[in-house]
Amino acid sequence: MSTKQQLLSALEAEQAGDWDKAHEIVQAMQDKQAFWIHAYLHRKEPDVGNAAYWYQQANKPFPHCSYDEEWQAIFNHIKKLKE
């Protein structure tokens, strides 16, 4: 499975309500996009301290938008990535 497919699988799992599966996928990856998803997951958990760490790893500011808006931004970004 490509990195892009793994990232999309994590987002789809989270959207389906399977936080644990989404977390398991991104936790095993060493990729800035995975770090972003990891941050989002902990923000939504909520575990703000852990989320802040992962946003830093992803080089992303801590967002002030809704969870849905951030999920969509991550999804759109990943869809544009090459396989």
PDB file of N, CA and C in Angstrom:
ATOM      1  N   MET A   1       0.854  -1.172   0.000  1.00  0.00           N
ATOM      2  CA  MET A   1       0.000   0.000   0.000  1.00  0.00           C
ATOM      3  C   MET A   1       0.903   1.239   0.000  1.00  0.00           C
ATOM      4  N   SER A   2       0.609   2.176  -0.857  1.00  0.00           N
ATOM      5  CA  SER A   2       1.407   3.397  -0.937  1.00  0.00           C
ATOM      6  C   SER A   2       1.179   4.277   0.293  1.00  0.00           C
ATOM      7  N   THR A   3       2.102   5.199   0.480  1.00  0.00           N
ATOM      8  CA  THR A   3       1.967   6.157   1.592  1.00  0.00           C
ATOM      9  C   THR A   3       0.657   6.915   1.463  1.00  0.00           C
ATOM     10  N   LYS A   4       0.354   7.381   0.261  1.00  0.00           N
ATOM     11  CA  LYS A   4      -0.889   8.111   0.039  1.00  0.00           C
ATOM     12  C   LYS A   4      -2.099   7.256   0.412  1.00  0.00           C
ATOM     13  N   GLN A   5      -2.102   6.005   0.021  1.00  0.00           N
ATOM     14  CA  GLN A   5      -3.221   5.116   0.341  1.00  0.00           C
ATOM     15  C   GLN A   5      -3.334   4.887   1.847  1.00  0.00           C
ATOM     16  N   GLN A   6      -2.191   4.766   2.521  1.00  0.00           N
ATOM     17  CA  GLN A   6      -2.215   4.600   3.979  1.00  0.00           C
ATOM     18  C   GLN A   6      -2.813   5.834   4.662  1.00  0.00           C
ATOM     19  N   LEU A   7      -2.390   7.003   4.198  1.00  0.00           N
ATOM     20  CA  LEU A   7      -2.908   8.251   4.769  1.00  0.00           C
ATOM     21  C   LEU A   7      -4.410   8.361   4.568  1.00  0.00           C
ATOM     22  N   LEU A   8      -4.870   8.051   3.360  1.00  0.00           N
ATOM     23  CA  LEU A   8      -6.310   8.104   3.080  1.00  0.00           C
ATOM     24  C   LEU A   8      -7.065   7.066   3.901  1.00  0.00           C
ATOM     25  N   SER A   9      -6.470   5.891   4.085  1.00  0.00           N
ATOM     26  CA  SER A   9      -7.101   4.857   4.918  1.00  0.00           C
ATOM     27  C   SER A   9      -7.263   5.335   6.358  1.00  0.00           C
ATOM     28  N   ALA A  10      -6.252   6.036   6.863  1.00  0.00           N
ATOM     29  CA  ALA A  10      -6.340   6.562   8.234  1.00  0.00           C
ATOM     30  C   ALA A  10      -7.470   7.575   8.341  1.00  0.00           C
ATOM     31  N   LEU A  11      -7.558   8.473   7.365  1.00  0.00           N
ATOM     32  CA  LEU A  11      -8.635   9.477   7.389  1.00  0.00           C
ATOM     33  C   LEU A  11     -10.008   8.822   7.269  1.00  0.00           C
ATOM     34  N   GLU A  12     -10.113   7.837   6.406  1.00  0.00           N
ATOM     35  CA  GLU A  12     -11.393   7.141   6.230  1.00  0.00           C
ATOM     36  C   GLU A  12     -11.783   6.379   7.492  1.00  0.00           C
ATOM     37  N   ALA A  13     -10.805   5.752   8.147  1.00  0.00           N
ATOM     38  CA  ALA A  13     -11.089   5.045   9.398  1.00  0.00           C
ATOM     39  C   ALA A  13     -11.596   6.009  10.462  1.00  0.00           C
ATOM     40  N   GLU A  14     -10.923   7.157  10.574  1.00  0.00           N
ATOM     41  CA  GLU A  14     -11.363   8.145  11.568  1.00  0.00           C
ATOM     42  C   GLU A  14     -12.764   8.626  11.272  1.00  0.00           C
ATOM     43  N   GLN A  15     -13.035   8.888  10.016  1.00  0.00           N
ATOM     44  CA  GLN A  15     -14.362   9.384   9.658  1.00  0.00           C
ATOM     45  C   GLN A  15     -15.440   8.331   9.922  1.00  0.00           C
ATOM     46  N   ALA A  16     -15.060   7.056   9.816  1.00  0.00           N
ATOM     47  CA  ALA A  16     -15.998   5.962  10.092  1.00  0.00           C
ATOM     48  C   ALA A  16     -16.142   5.700  11.594  1.00  0.00           C
ATOM     49  N   GLY A  17     -15.406   6.467  12.408  1.00  0.00           N
ATOM     50  CA  GLY A  17     -15.525   6.323  13.851  1.00  0.00           C
ATOM     51  C   GLY A  17     -14.508   5.377  14.463  1.00  0.00           C
ATOM     52  N   ASP A  18     -13.533   4.918  13.689  1.00  0.00           N
ATOM     53  CA  ASP A  18     -12.527   3.996  14.207  1.00  0.00           C
ATOM     54  C   ASP A  18     -11.230   4.758  14.490  1.00  0.00           C
ATOM     55  N   TRP A  19     -11.232   5.527  15.581  1.00  0.00           N
ATOM     56  CA  TRP A  19     -10.073   6.325  15.978  1.00  0.00           C
ATOM     57  C   TRP A  19      -8.846   5.446  16.171  1.00  0.00           C
ATOM     58  N   ASP A  20      -9.033   4.290  16.806  1.00  0.00           N
ATOM     59  CA  ASP A  20      -7.910   3.404  17.096  1.00  0.00           C
ATOM     60  C   ASP A  20      -7.214   2.935  15.823  1.00  0.00           C
ATOM     61  N   LYS A  21      -7.978   2.551  14.825  1.00  0.00           N
ATOM     62  CA  LYS A  21      -7.382   2.104  13.563  1.00  0.00           C
ATOM     63  C   LYS A  21      -6.638   3.255  12.893  1.00  0.00           C
ATOM     64  N   ALA A  22      -7.245   4.430  12.857  1.00  0.00           N
ATOM     65  CA  ALA A  22      -6.599   5.601  12.257  1.00  0.00           C
ATOM     66  C   ALA A  22      -5.287   5.902  12.978  1.00  0.00           C
ATOM     67  N   HIS A  23      -5.318   5.855  14.293  1.00  0.00           N
ATOM     68  CA  HIS A  23      -4.122   6.135  15.090  1.00  0.00           C
ATOM     69  C   HIS A  23      -3.049   5.086  14.842  1.00  0.00           C
ATOM     70  N   GLU A  24      -3.437   3.838  14.771  1.00  0.00           N
ATOM     71  CA  GLU A  24      -2.492   2.747  14.516  1.00  0.00           C
ATOM     72  C   GLU A  24      -1.766   2.948  13.180  1.00  0.00           C
ATOM     73  N   ILE A  25      -2.500   3.359  12.167  1.00  0.00           N
ATOM     74  CA  ILE A  25      -1.907   3.576  10.847  1.00  0.00           C
ATOM     75  C   ILE A  25      -0.867   4.690  10.897  1.00  0.00           C
ATOM     76  N   VAL A  26      -1.252   5.855  11.397  1.00  0.00           N
ATOM     77  CA  VAL A  26      -0.330   6.995  11.353  1.00  0.00           C
ATOM     78  C   VAL A  26       0.800   6.874  12.363  1.00  0.00           C
ATOM     79  N   GLN A  27       0.563   6.185  13.455  1.00  0.00           N
ATOM     80  CA  GLN A  27       1.597   6.031  14.470  1.00  0.00           C
ATOM     81  C   GLN A  27       2.787   5.240  13.917  1.00  0.00           C
ATOM     82  N   ALA A  28       2.540   4.387  12.949  1.00  0.00           N
ATOM     83  CA  ALA A  28       3.598   3.556  12.365  1.00  0.00           C
ATOM     84  C   ALA A  28       4.339   4.261  11.225  1.00  0.00           C
ATOM     85  N   MET A  29       3.911   5.473  10.869  1.00  0.00           N
ATOM     86  CA  MET A  29       4.481   6.170   9.711  1.00  0.00           C
ATOM     87  C   MET A  29       5.411   7.295  10.144  1.00  0.00           C
ATOM     88  N   GLN A  30       6.416   7.558   9.314  1.00  0.00           N
ATOM     89  CA  GLN A  30       7.347   8.663   9.535  1.00  0.00           C
ATOM     90  C   GLN A  30       7.226   9.617   8.356  1.00  0.00           C
ATOM     91  N   ASP A  31       6.160  10.379   8.339  1.00  0.00           N
ATOM     92  CA  ASP A  31       5.818  11.229   7.205  1.00  0.00           C
ATOM     93  C   ASP A  31       5.108  12.468   7.747  1.00  0.00           C
ATOM     94  N   LYS A  32       5.431  13.636   7.221  1.00  0.00           N
ATOM     95  CA  LYS A  32       4.834  14.876   7.750  1.00  0.00           C
ATOM     96  C   LYS A  32       3.314  14.879   7.627  1.00  0.00           C
ATOM     97  N   GLN A  33       2.780  14.285   6.566  1.00  0.00           N
ATOM     98  CA  GLN A  33       1.326  14.212   6.430  1.00  0.00           C
ATOM     99  C   GLN A  33       0.733  13.291   7.497  1.00  0.00           C
ATOM    100  N   ALA A  34       1.438  12.199   7.807  1.00  0.00           N
ATOM    101  CA  ALA A  34       0.982  11.304   8.880  1.00  0.00           C
ATOM    102  C   ALA A  34       1.036  12.028  10.227  1.00  0.00           C
ATOM    103  N   PHE A  35       2.086  12.839  10.415  1.00  0.00           N
ATOM    104  CA  PHE A  35       2.181  13.617  11.654  1.00  0.00           C
ATOM    105  C   PHE A  35       0.997  14.578  11.771  1.00  0.00           C
ATOM    106  N   TRP A  36       0.583  15.157  10.645  1.00  0.00           N
ATOM    107  CA  TRP A  36      -0.563  16.075  10.641  1.00  0.00           C
ATOM    108  C   TRP A  36      -1.834  15.330  11.050  1.00  0.00           C
ATOM    109  N   ILE A  37      -2.049  14.158  10.462  1.00  0.00           N
ATOM    110  CA  ILE A  37      -3.229  13.364  10.839  1.00  0.00           C
ATOM    111  C   ILE A  37      -3.135  12.976  12.305  1.00  0.00           C
ATOM    112  N   HIS A  38      -1.958  12.584  12.743  1.00  0.00           N
ATOM    113  CA  HIS A  38      -1.735  12.207  14.142  1.00  0.00           C
ATOM    114  C   HIS A  38      -2.116  13.371  15.066  1.00  0.00           C
ATOM    115  N   ALA A  39      -1.689  14.571  14.693  1.00  0.00           N
ATOM    116  CA  ALA A  39      -2.030  15.769  15.461  1.00  0.00           C
ATOM    117  C   ALA A  39      -3.536  15.975  15.518  1.00  0.00           C
ATOM    118  N   TYR A  40      -4.168  15.879  14.354  1.00  0.00           N
ATOM    119  CA  TYR A  40      -5.624  16.044  14.259  1.00  0.00           C
ATOM    120  C   TYR A  40      -6.341  15.040  15.173  1.00  0.00           C
ATOM    121  N   LEU A  41      -5.897  13.785  15.137  1.00  0.00           N
ATOM    122  CA  LEU A  41      -6.535  12.754  15.962  1.00  0.00           C
ATOM    123  C   LEU A  41      -6.441  13.102  17.443  1.00  0.00           C
ATOM    124  N   HIS A  42      -5.266  13.550  17.879  1.00  0.00           N
ATOM    125  CA  HIS A  42      -5.120  13.890  19.294  1.00  0.00           C
ATOM    126  C   HIS A  42      -5.857  15.180  19.646  1.00  0.00           C
ATOM    127  N   ARG A  43      -5.955  16.087  18.713  1.00  0.00           N
ATOM    128  CA  ARG A  43      -6.755  17.304  18.955  1.00  0.00           C
ATOM    129  C   ARG A  43      -8.211  16.932  19.186  1.00  0.00           C
ATOM    130  N   LYS A  44      -8.700  16.016  18.365  1.00  0.00           N
ATOM    131  CA  LYS A  44     -10.109  15.617  18.451  1.00  0.00           C
ATOM    132  C   LYS A  44     -10.372  14.720  19.664  1.00  0.00           C
ATOM    133  N   GLU A  45      -9.345  14.077  20.171  1.00  0.00           N
ATOM    134  CA  GLU A  45      -9.487  13.094  21.260  1.00  0.00           C
ATOM    135  C   GLU A  45     -10.176  13.640  22.510  1.00  0.00           C
ATOM    136  N   PRO A  46      -9.983  14.670  23.162  1.00  0.00           N
ATOM    137  CA  PRO A  46      -8.951  15.681  23.009  1.00  0.00           C
ATOM    138  C   PRO A  46      -7.766  15.424  23.938  1.00  0.00           C
ATOM    139  N   ASP A  47      -6.583  15.562  23.370  1.00  0.00           N
ATOM    140  CA  ASP A  47      -5.322  15.535  24.114  1.00  0.00           C
ATOM    141  C   ASP A  47      -4.481  16.664  23.519  1.00  0.00           C
ATOM    142  N   VAL A  48      -4.746  17.874  23.989  1.00  0.00           N
ATOM    143  CA  VAL A  48      -4.182  19.079  23.381  1.00  0.00           C
ATOM    144  C   VAL A  48      -2.652  19.091  23.439  1.00  0.00           C
ATOM    145  N   GLY A  49      -2.083  18.652  24.536  1.00  0.00           N
ATOM    146  CA  GLY A  49      -0.629  18.638  24.650  1.00  0.00           C
ATOM    147  C   GLY A  49       0.009  17.719  23.624  1.00  0.00           C
ATOM    148  N   ASN A  50      -0.535  16.527  23.472  1.00  0.00           N
ATOM    149  CA  ASN A  50      -0.029  15.574  22.494  1.00  0.00           C
ATOM    150  C   ASN A  50      -0.262  16.108  21.081  1.00  0.00           C
ATOM    151  N   ALA A  51      -1.416  16.694  20.849  1.00  0.00           N
ATOM    152  CA  ALA A  51      -1.718  17.272  19.534  1.00  0.00           C
ATOM    153  C   ALA A  51      -0.704  18.357  19.192  1.00  0.00           C
ATOM    154  N   ALA A  52      -0.401  19.219  20.146  1.00  0.00           N
ATOM    155  CA  ALA A  52       0.549  20.306  19.899  1.00  0.00           C
ATOM    156  C   ALA A  52       1.908  19.756  19.475  1.00  0.00           C
ATOM    157  N   TYR A  53       2.343  18.686  20.124  1.00  0.00           N
ATOM    158  CA  TYR A  53       3.613  18.046  19.745  1.00  0.00           C
ATOM    159  C   TYR A  53       3.576  17.596  18.292  1.00  0.00           C
ATOM    160  N   TRP A  54       2.496  16.942  17.882  1.00  0.00           N
ATOM    161  CA  TRP A  54       2.417  16.406  16.515  1.00  0.00           C
ATOM    162  C   TRP A  54       2.234  17.508  15.485  1.00  0.00           C
ATOM    163  N   TYR A  55       1.542  18.584  15.828  1.00  0.00           N
ATOM    164  CA  TYR A  55       1.480  19.721  14.895  1.00  0.00           C
ATOM    165  C   TYR A  55       2.882  20.279  14.675  1.00  0.00           C
ATOM    166  N   GLN A  56       3.667  20.337  15.733  1.00  0.00           N
ATOM    167  CA  GLN A  56       5.041  20.821  15.606  1.00  0.00           C
ATOM    168  C   GLN A  56       5.842  19.891  14.689  1.00  0.00           C
ATOM    169  N   GLN A  57       5.688  18.589  14.869  1.00  0.00           N
ATOM    170  CA  GLN A  57       6.400  17.629  14.022  1.00  0.00           C
ATOM    171  C   GLN A  57       5.991  17.760  12.551  1.00  0.00           C
ATOM    172  N   ALA A  58       4.729  18.120  12.334  1.00  0.00           N
ATOM    173  CA  ALA A  58       4.202  18.272  10.976  1.00  0.00           C
ATOM    174  C   ALA A  58       4.489  19.652  10.389  1.00  0.00           C
ATOM    175  N   ASN A  59       5.087  20.533  11.186  1.00  0.00           N
ATOM    176  CA  ASN A  59       5.317  21.932  10.783  1.00  0.00           C
ATOM    177  C   ASN A  59       4.006  22.644  10.437  1.00  0.00           C
ATOM    178  N   LYS A  60       2.999  22.396  11.260  1.00  0.00           N
ATOM    179  CA  LYS A  60       1.682  23.008  11.081  1.00  0.00           C
ATOM    180  C   LYS A  60       1.319  23.793  12.341  1.00  0.00           C
ATOM    181  N   PRO A  61       0.693  24.938  12.177  1.00  0.00           N
ATOM    182  CA  PRO A  61       0.225  25.665  13.367  1.00  0.00           C
ATOM    183  C   PRO A  61      -0.975  24.943  13.982  1.00  0.00           C
ATOM    184  N   PHE A  62      -1.167  25.138  15.269  1.00  0.00           N
ATOM    185  CA  PHE A  62      -2.345  24.567  15.926  1.00  0.00           C
ATOM    186  C   PHE A  62      -3.578  25.248  15.328  1.00  0.00           C
ATOM    187  N   PRO A  63      -4.502  24.490  14.758  1.00  0.00           N
ATOM    188  CA  PRO A  63      -5.642  25.097  14.053  1.00  0.00           C
ATOM    189  C   PRO A  63      -6.705  25.650  14.997  1.00  0.00           C
ATOM    190  N   HIS A  64      -7.460  26.588  14.462  1.00  0.00           N
ATOM    191  CA  HIS A  64      -8.590  27.177  15.198  1.00  0.00           C
ATOM    192  C   HIS A  64      -9.872  27.030  14.394  1.00  0.00           C
ATOM    193  N   CYS A  65      -9.911  26.007  13.556  1.00  0.00           N
ATOM    194  CA  CYS A  65     -11.098  25.720  12.744  1.00  0.00           C
ATOM    195  C   CYS A  65     -11.819  24.522  13.356  1.00  0.00           C
ATOM    196  N   SER A  66     -12.936  24.150  12.761  1.00  0.00           N
ATOM    197  CA  SER A  66     -13.672  22.987  13.241  1.00  0.00           C
ATOM    198  C   SER A  66     -12.922  21.706  12.861  1.00  0.00           C
ATOM    199  N   TYR A  67     -13.273  20.621  13.529  1.00  0.00           N
ATOM    200  CA  TYR A  67     -12.685  19.324  13.177  1.00  0.00           C
ATOM    201  C   TYR A  67     -12.997  18.969  11.728  1.00  0.00           C
ATOM    202  N   ASP A  68     -14.231  19.204  11.303  1.00  0.00           N
ATOM    203  CA  ASP A  68     -14.625  18.888   9.920  1.00  0.00           C
ATOM    204  C   ASP A  68     -13.815  19.685   8.909  1.00  0.00           C
ATOM    205  N   GLU A  69     -13.583  20.954   9.211  1.00  0.00           N
ATOM    206  CA  GLU A  69     -12.797  21.789   8.293  1.00  0.00           C
ATOM    207  C   GLU A  69     -11.355  21.303   8.215  1.00  0.00           C
ATOM    208  N   GLU A  70     -10.802  20.934   9.358  1.00  0.00           N
ATOM    209  CA  GLU A  70      -9.427  20.439   9.316  1.00  0.00           C
ATOM    210  C   GLU A  70      -9.350  19.100   8.599  1.00  0.00           C
ATOM    211  N   TRP A  71     -10.275  18.200   8.877  1.00  0.00           N
ATOM    212  CA  TRP A  71     -10.276  16.901   8.195  1.00  0.00           C
ATOM    213  C   TRP A  71     -10.305  17.115   6.686  1.00  0.00           C
ATOM    214  N   GLN A  72     -11.167  18.011   6.234  1.00  0.00           N
ATOM    215  CA  GLN A  72     -11.293  18.276   4.799  1.00  0.00           C
ATOM    216  C   GLN A  72     -10.008  18.871   4.235  1.00  0.00           C
ATOM    217  N   ALA A  73      -9.361  19.750   4.974  1.00  0.00           N
ATOM    218  CA  ALA A  73      -8.101  20.346   4.519  1.00  0.00           C
ATOM    219  C   ALA A  73      -7.021  19.276   4.382  1.00  0.00           C
ATOM    220  N   ILE A  74      -6.947  18.377   5.357  1.00  0.00           N
ATOM    221  CA  ILE A  74      -5.963  17.285   5.285  1.00  0.00           C
ATOM    222  C   ILE A  74      -6.282  16.385   4.093  1.00  0.00           C
ATOM    223  N   PHE A  75      -7.539  16.009   3.962  1.00  0.00           N
ATOM    224  CA  PHE A  75      -7.962  15.132   2.869  1.00  0.00           C
ATOM    225  C   PHE A  75      -7.627  15.749   1.510  1.00  0.00           C
ATOM    226  N   ASN A  76      -7.963  17.008   1.337  1.00  0.00           N
ATOM    227  CA  ASN A  76      -7.689  17.692   0.062  1.00  0.00           C
ATOM    228  C   ASN A  76      -6.191  17.724  -0.226  1.00  0.00           C
ATOM    229  N   HIS A  77      -5.404  17.986   0.797  1.00  0.00           N
ATOM    230  CA  HIS A  77      -3.949  18.027   0.637  1.00  0.00           C
ATOM    231  C   HIS A  77      -3.419  16.655   0.197  1.00  0.00           C
ATOM    232  N   ILE A  78      -3.876  15.622   0.851  1.00  0.00           N
ATOM    233  CA  ILE A  78      -3.375  14.273   0.547  1.00  0.00           C
ATOM    234  C   ILE A  78      -3.837  13.802  -0.836  1.00  0.00           C
ATOM    235  N   LYS A  79      -5.047  14.150  -1.200  1.00  0.00           N
ATOM    236  CA  LYS A  79      -5.546  13.760  -2.535  1.00  0.00           C
ATOM    237  C   LYS A  79      -4.673  14.330  -3.648  1.00  0.00           C
ATOM    238  N   LYS A  80      -4.039  15.474  -3.401  1.00  0.00           N
ATOM    239  CA  LYS A  80      -3.188  16.106  -4.413  1.00  0.00           C
ATOM    240  C   LYS A  80      -1.791  15.488  -4.496  1.00  0.00           C
ATOM    241  N   LEU A  81      -1.430  14.683  -3.527  1.00  0.00           N
ATOM    242  CA  LEU A  81      -0.104  14.054  -3.528  1.00  0.00           C
ATOM    243  C   LEU A  81       0.013  13.022  -4.633  1.00  0.00           C
ATOM    244  N   LYS A  82       1.220  12.878  -5.144  1.00  0.00           N
ATOM    245  CA  LYS A  82       1.488  11.836  -6.134  1.00  0.00           C
ATOM    246  C   LYS A  82       1.566  10.505  -5.408  1.00  0.00           C
ATOM    247  N   GLU A  83       1.246   9.441  -6.117  1.00  0.00           N
ATOM    248  CA  GLU A  83       1.318   8.084  -5.532  1.00  0.00           C
ATOM    249  C   GLU A  83       2.733   7.723  -5.157  1.00  0.00           C
TER     250      GLU A  83
END
